[in-house]
Amino acid sequence: MYRVIELHHPTLLSDEVDAFMRGDDQLRGLVNSGHTRDAAFHLGCFPVGDNIEPRCWST
């Protein structure tokens, strides 16, 4: 999901949709992270050659 967001930068308006995501805390955190621009990112790992480097993905 966060890779599609990074690529296309869509606008998604949802209200209380996270209430239906019980049991999937990572997806719930991703959905809730976009409410402020300063916190609207997911920190993940990205392979670069033989190494893996951290990268911020836009949410």
N, C-alpha and C. Protein backbone atom coordinates (compact mmCIF):
# COMPACT_ATOMS: atom_id res chain seq x y z
N MET A 1 0.82 -1.18 0.00
CA MET A 1 0.00 0.00 0.00
C MET A 1 0.87 1.25 0.00
N TYR A 2 1.90 1.30 0.87
CA TYR A 2 2.71 2.51 0.94
C TYR A 2 3.52 2.75 -0.33
N ARG A 3 3.84 1.71 -1.09
CA ARG A 3 4.56 1.91 -2.35
C ARG A 3 3.65 2.55 -3.40
N VAL A 4 2.38 2.19 -3.44
CA VAL A 4 1.43 2.83 -4.35
C VAL A 4 1.25 4.30 -3.97
N ILE A 5 1.16 4.58 -2.69
CA ILE A 5 1.02 5.95 -2.22
C ILE A 5 2.23 6.78 -2.63
N GLU A 6 3.43 6.23 -2.46
CA GLU A 6 4.66 6.93 -2.83
C GLU A 6 4.69 7.22 -4.33
N LEU A 7 4.23 6.28 -5.13
CA LEU A 7 4.28 6.42 -6.58
C LEU A 7 3.25 7.41 -7.12
N HIS A 8 2.01 7.35 -6.62
CA HIS A 8 0.91 8.13 -7.20
C HIS A 8 0.46 9.33 -6.36
N HIS A 9 0.79 9.38 -5.09
CA HIS A 9 0.39 10.46 -4.16
C HIS A 9 -1.12 10.73 -4.21
N PRO A 10 -1.95 9.70 -4.04
CA PRO A 10 -3.40 9.93 -4.06
C PRO A 10 -3.88 10.61 -2.78
N THR A 11 -5.08 11.14 -2.84
CA THR A 11 -5.74 11.68 -1.66
C THR A 11 -6.85 10.72 -1.28
N LEU A 12 -6.80 10.26 -0.05
CA LEU A 12 -7.81 9.33 0.44
C LEU A 12 -8.41 9.92 1.70
N LEU A 13 -9.69 10.16 1.68
CA LEU A 13 -10.38 10.68 2.85
C LEU A 13 -11.15 9.53 3.50
N SER A 14 -10.85 9.29 4.74
CA SER A 14 -11.54 8.22 5.46
C SER A 14 -11.77 8.68 6.89
N ASP A 15 -12.87 8.27 7.45
CA ASP A 15 -13.19 8.64 8.82
C ASP A 15 -13.48 7.36 9.60
N GLU A 16 -12.64 7.10 10.58
CA GLU A 16 -12.81 5.95 11.47
C GLU A 16 -12.69 4.61 10.76
N VAL A 17 -12.07 4.57 9.58
CA VAL A 17 -11.90 3.30 8.88
C VAL A 17 -10.98 2.37 9.65
N ASP A 18 -10.09 2.92 10.46
CA ASP A 18 -9.16 2.09 11.24
C ASP A 18 -9.89 1.23 12.27
N ALA A 19 -11.10 1.58 12.61
CA ALA A 19 -11.87 0.79 13.57
C ALA A 19 -12.18 -0.61 13.03
N PHE A 20 -12.16 -0.76 11.71
CA PHE A 20 -12.45 -2.05 11.08
C PHE A 20 -11.20 -2.89 10.87
N MET A 21 -10.04 -2.38 11.29
CA MET A 21 -8.76 -3.07 11.08
C MET A 21 -8.26 -3.74 12.34
N ARG A 22 -9.12 -4.28 13.10
CA ARG A 22 -8.70 -4.96 14.32
C ARG A 22 -7.84 -6.16 13.97
N GLY A 23 -6.76 -6.33 14.68
CA GLY A 23 -5.88 -7.47 14.46
C GLY A 23 -4.75 -7.20 13.48
N ASP A 24 -4.78 -6.06 12.78
CA ASP A 24 -3.70 -5.71 11.85
C ASP A 24 -3.14 -4.35 12.24
N ASP A 25 -2.33 -4.34 13.29
CA ASP A 25 -1.81 -3.09 13.84
C ASP A 25 -0.91 -2.34 12.87
N GLN A 26 -0.19 -3.04 12.00
CA GLN A 26 0.69 -2.36 11.05
C GLN A 26 -0.12 -1.59 10.01
N LEU A 27 -1.17 -2.19 9.47
CA LEU A 27 -2.01 -1.49 8.51
C LEU A 27 -2.75 -0.34 9.18
N ARG A 28 -3.21 -0.56 10.38
CA ARG A 28 -3.91 0.49 11.13
C ARG A 28 -2.98 1.68 11.38
N GLY A 29 -1.72 1.41 11.73
CA GLY A 29 -0.74 2.48 11.93
C GLY A 29 -0.45 3.23 10.64
N LEU A 30 -0.40 2.51 9.52
CA LEU A 30 -0.17 3.14 8.22
C LEU A 30 -1.30 4.09 7.86
N VAL A 31 -2.54 3.66 8.06
CA VAL A 31 -3.69 4.51 7.76
C VAL A 31 -3.71 5.73 8.68
N ASN A 32 -3.40 5.56 9.94
CA ASN A 32 -3.43 6.66 10.89
C ASN A 32 -2.24 7.61 10.77
N SER A 33 -1.19 7.21 10.07
CA SER A 33 0.01 8.04 10.01
C SER A 33 -0.15 9.26 9.12
N GLY A 34 -1.11 9.29 8.23
CA GLY A 34 -1.23 10.37 7.27
C GLY A 34 -1.96 11.60 7.73
N HIS A 35 -2.30 11.74 8.99
CA HIS A 35 -3.10 12.90 9.41
C HIS A 35 -2.28 14.17 9.60
N THR A 36 -0.96 14.10 9.65
CA THR A 36 -0.12 15.30 9.65
C THR A 36 1.04 15.05 8.68
N ARG A 37 1.49 16.11 8.00
CA ARG A 37 2.57 15.95 7.02
C ARG A 37 3.89 15.56 7.69
N ASP A 38 4.14 16.03 8.90
CA ASP A 38 5.40 15.70 9.58
C ASP A 38 5.51 14.22 9.93
N ALA A 39 4.38 13.59 10.18
CA ALA A 39 4.39 12.18 10.60
C ALA A 39 3.88 11.25 9.51
N ALA A 40 3.68 11.77 8.30
CA ALA A 40 3.07 10.98 7.23
C ALA A 40 4.11 10.19 6.45
N PHE A 41 4.74 9.23 7.13
CA PHE A 41 5.69 8.38 6.44
C PHE A 41 5.77 7.03 7.12
N HIS A 42 6.23 6.07 6.37
CA HIS A 42 6.49 4.72 6.87
C HIS A 42 7.98 4.47 6.68
N LEU A 43 8.66 4.08 7.72
CA LEU A 43 10.08 3.78 7.63
C LEU A 43 10.24 2.31 7.30
N GLY A 44 10.86 2.03 6.18
CA GLY A 44 11.05 0.65 5.75
C GLY A 44 12.45 0.44 5.22
N CYS A 45 12.74 -0.75 4.80
CA CYS A 45 14.07 -1.09 4.27
C CYS A 45 13.98 -1.28 2.77
N PHE A 46 15.05 -0.89 2.08
CA PHE A 46 15.11 -0.93 0.64
C PHE A 46 16.45 -1.52 0.22
N PRO A 47 16.45 -2.57 -0.60
CA PRO A 47 17.73 -3.17 -1.01
C PRO A 47 18.48 -2.25 -1.97
N VAL A 48 19.76 -2.02 -1.69
CA VAL A 48 20.64 -1.24 -2.55
C VAL A 48 21.91 -2.05 -2.74
N GLY A 49 22.03 -2.67 -3.89
CA GLY A 49 23.16 -3.56 -4.14
C GLY A 49 23.14 -4.73 -3.17
N ASP A 50 24.24 -4.92 -2.45
CA ASP A 50 24.32 -6.00 -1.46
C ASP A 50 23.87 -5.56 -0.08
N ASN A 51 23.49 -4.31 0.07
CA ASN A 51 23.09 -3.77 1.37
C ASN A 51 21.60 -3.50 1.43
N ILE A 52 21.12 -3.31 2.62
CA ILE A 52 19.74 -2.89 2.85
C ILE A 52 19.79 -1.58 3.61
N GLU A 53 19.13 -0.55 3.05
CA GLU A 53 19.16 0.78 3.65
C GLU A 53 17.75 1.21 4.05
N PRO A 54 17.64 1.99 5.13
CA PRO A 54 16.32 2.50 5.53
C PRO A 54 15.85 3.56 4.55
N ARG A 55 14.54 3.64 4.39
CA ARG A 55 13.95 4.64 3.51
C ARG A 55 12.60 5.07 4.08
N CYS A 56 12.29 6.34 3.96
CA CYS A 56 10.98 6.86 4.37
C CYS A 56 10.05 6.82 3.17
N TRP A 57 8.93 6.16 3.32
CA TRP A 57 7.91 6.08 2.27
C TRP A 57 6.78 7.02 2.66
N SER A 58 6.32 7.83 1.72
CA SER A 58 5.23 8.77 1.97
C SER A 58 3.93 8.03 2.22
N THR A 59 3.14 8.49 3.19
CA THR A 59 1.81 7.94 3.41
C THR A 59 0.77 9.03 3.29
